[in-house]
Amino acid sequence: MTTVRILVRHDGAGWRIASPGRDLNTSSGPRPYTQRDEAISDALFAARMLRALGETASVYVENSDGLRLVADEDVQVWRKH
């Protein structure tokens, strides 16, 4: 079984959700997120939906120091406040 990797990265215009290894077509794609947390939240939601369908999915954020795995727990603490 392959793992679906969802990548949140900044493309210069805003935060986008993509799959690693695919070019981001910024001209015809959806409008980028202005807030990093909103993009991460939506990516985590997509991963949960994929898991509900039986797929294995993980979310990564591209930072200046590379990719970092994002866990649902990281965001849930933020949502409580």
Protein backbone atom coordinates (compact mmCIF):
# COMPACT_ATOMS: atom_id res chain seq x y z
CA MET A 1 0.00 0.00 0.00
CA THR A 2 1.35 3.43 -0.89
CA THR A 3 1.10 6.45 1.34
CA VAL A 4 -0.49 9.59 -0.03
CA ARG A 5 1.78 12.50 0.87
CA ILE A 6 0.12 15.90 1.06
CA LEU A 7 2.50 18.83 0.98
CA VAL A 8 1.81 22.37 2.24
CA ARG A 9 4.26 24.87 0.83
CA HIS A 10 4.63 28.57 0.14
CA ASP A 11 4.97 29.42 -3.55
CA GLY A 12 5.72 33.13 -3.23
CA ALA A 13 2.05 34.16 -3.58
CA GLY A 14 0.66 32.17 -0.67
CA TRP A 15 0.34 28.73 0.89
CA ARG A 16 -0.70 25.88 -1.42
CA ILE A 17 -1.54 22.22 -0.96
CA ALA A 18 0.10 19.85 -3.43
CA SER A 19 1.54 16.39 -3.90
CA PRO A 20 5.33 16.06 -3.76
CA GLY A 21 6.95 15.79 -7.16
CA ARG A 22 4.22 17.64 -8.99
CA ASP A 23 4.66 21.14 -10.35
CA LEU A 24 2.27 23.72 -8.97
CA ASN A 25 0.39 25.36 -11.80
CA THR A 26 -0.24 28.73 -10.19
CA SER A 27 -2.00 30.24 -13.22
CA SER A 28 -5.02 27.92 -13.30
CA GLY A 29 -4.98 26.47 -9.79
CA PRO A 30 -7.10 27.55 -6.85
CA ARG A 31 -6.31 30.77 -5.04
CA PRO A 32 -3.55 30.19 -2.45
CA TYR A 33 -4.20 30.38 1.27
CA THR A 34 -3.00 33.55 2.98
CA GLN A 35 -2.61 31.80 6.33
CA ARG A 36 -0.34 28.79 6.78
CA ASP A 37 -2.57 27.36 9.53
CA GLU A 38 -5.61 27.34 7.22
CA ALA A 39 -3.71 25.39 4.57
CA ILE A 40 -2.46 22.89 7.16
CA SER A 41 -5.95 22.47 8.60
CA ASP A 42 -7.45 21.73 5.17
CA ALA A 43 -4.61 19.34 4.31
CA LEU A 44 -5.16 17.45 7.57
CA PHE A 45 -8.89 17.27 6.80
CA ALA A 46 -8.11 15.79 3.38
CA ALA A 47 -5.78 13.24 5.01
CA ARG A 48 -8.51 12.23 7.48
CA MET A 49 -10.97 11.74 4.63
CA LEU A 50 -8.45 9.60 2.73
CA ARG A 51 -7.89 7.50 5.86
CA ALA A 52 -11.65 7.03 6.20
CA LEU A 53 -11.61 5.60 2.67
CA GLY A 54 -8.88 3.13 3.64
CA GLU A 55 -5.85 4.99 2.29
CA THR A 56 -2.73 5.86 4.23
CA ALA A 57 -2.11 9.62 4.17
CA SER A 58 0.31 12.04 5.81
CA VAL A 59 0.73 15.81 5.73
CA TYR A 60 4.08 17.60 5.48
CA VAL A 61 4.91 21.31 5.69
CA GLU A 62 7.84 22.64 3.69
CA ASN A 63 9.96 24.94 5.84
CA SER A 64 13.31 26.57 5.25
CA ASP A 65 14.95 23.57 6.93
CA GLY A 66 13.11 20.94 4.88
CA LEU A 67 9.91 18.93 5.26
CA ARG A 68 8.24 18.43 8.64
CA LEU A 69 5.53 15.85 9.31
CA VAL A 70 2.39 17.43 10.79
CA ALA A 71 0.32 15.38 13.21
CA ASP A 72 -3.37 15.99 13.87
CA GLU A 73 -2.51 16.53 17.54
CA ASP A 74 -0.32 19.54 16.66
CA VAL A 75 -3.31 21.40 15.27
CA GLN A 76 -5.95 20.22 17.74
CA VAL A 77 -4.18 21.95 20.61
CA TRP A 78 -4.24 25.19 18.60
CA ARG A 79 -7.98 24.81 17.84
CA LYS A 80 -8.93 24.50 21.53
CA HIS A 81 -7.94 28.09 22.31
